[in-house]
């Protein structure tokens, strides 16, 4: 995948551009992207592309800022797995004051050489999110670009899948449902930081990962998890919080990797995917009580199957409408 951000490159053969913040890349987002990829496959010379802001740079959406679900790197990895050839992900500040025509000219025409554009039916853009799909259709026609609008994707009971919904589930510790809607599962992909090495004194050596600024922090508690590091995939147990029994100066993810016996992992990057909420974080009377509870958490985590759906299970949406 080619990142056009910060370059003067323009795709020669034209593109079909999926547009959106795509901050969680849940099933609704992927429906838009897969539809764009499908149209590109039927458009001679065109390649699938994505326009998305760097989520961490978004300072206003509705009534407040955005705590991102996926880091920039993880978002790009997932976009590439969906077949995206080009991505443009500038800072929000550089575009927030554009009018609708300026946005279409700078993004779709000048940057992407777009032949078609695809967005969700509730897509908004331009200063103050003043412009919507109806206005976008008129502006695209002006520049000879076909616009396709994708209907909202809902759960079985009819509620619209959204990043706001998924953020709420993560903050409530309802990680299994959040994973179901995301498809890829909520994960942290961060370097392993040095800690106080207390875990090894409890016979449960752990890796520590600190949350970056603006990264959403799940409900404090203990989770069954899956850890990918140094080419291996392991079941694991992750504590999210401030370690009330022994103390921590900032929220972090502390993970015990079950059956891992390799070298120390300081400085390595580990991907930890939360798979199930086991219990709330709590303060124990002493380290012996903490050690016994960790052992029980590990045994419980061993029995929990990994139910995270794979990206390839997401079906393309067949109901997009040309505007």
Foldseek 3Di string as FASTA:
>chain_A
DAECEPHQDEQPQAEAEEEDQCLLQFLQSLLQQLVRQVVQVVDPSYFYEYEHAQQVQAADDPHGHAQGQDHPVVSVVVSVVSRHDYYYYYHCVVFQAAAPLVCCCVPRVSHYVHQEYEYEQADFGHHVSPDGDVVNCVSCVVVNYWYKYDYFDADPVRHGDDPVVLLVCQQVQVQQVSLQRRLQFRKDWAAFADDPQVCVVLVFGKTKGADDPSHRFGAFAKFWKWKAWPNDIFTKIWGWDAQVQVGHPHTIIIIGGPPDDDDDRHGTIMMIGGAHGDGHDDHDPHVVVVSVVVVVVVVVSVPDDRPRHHPVVSDHDPPMDID
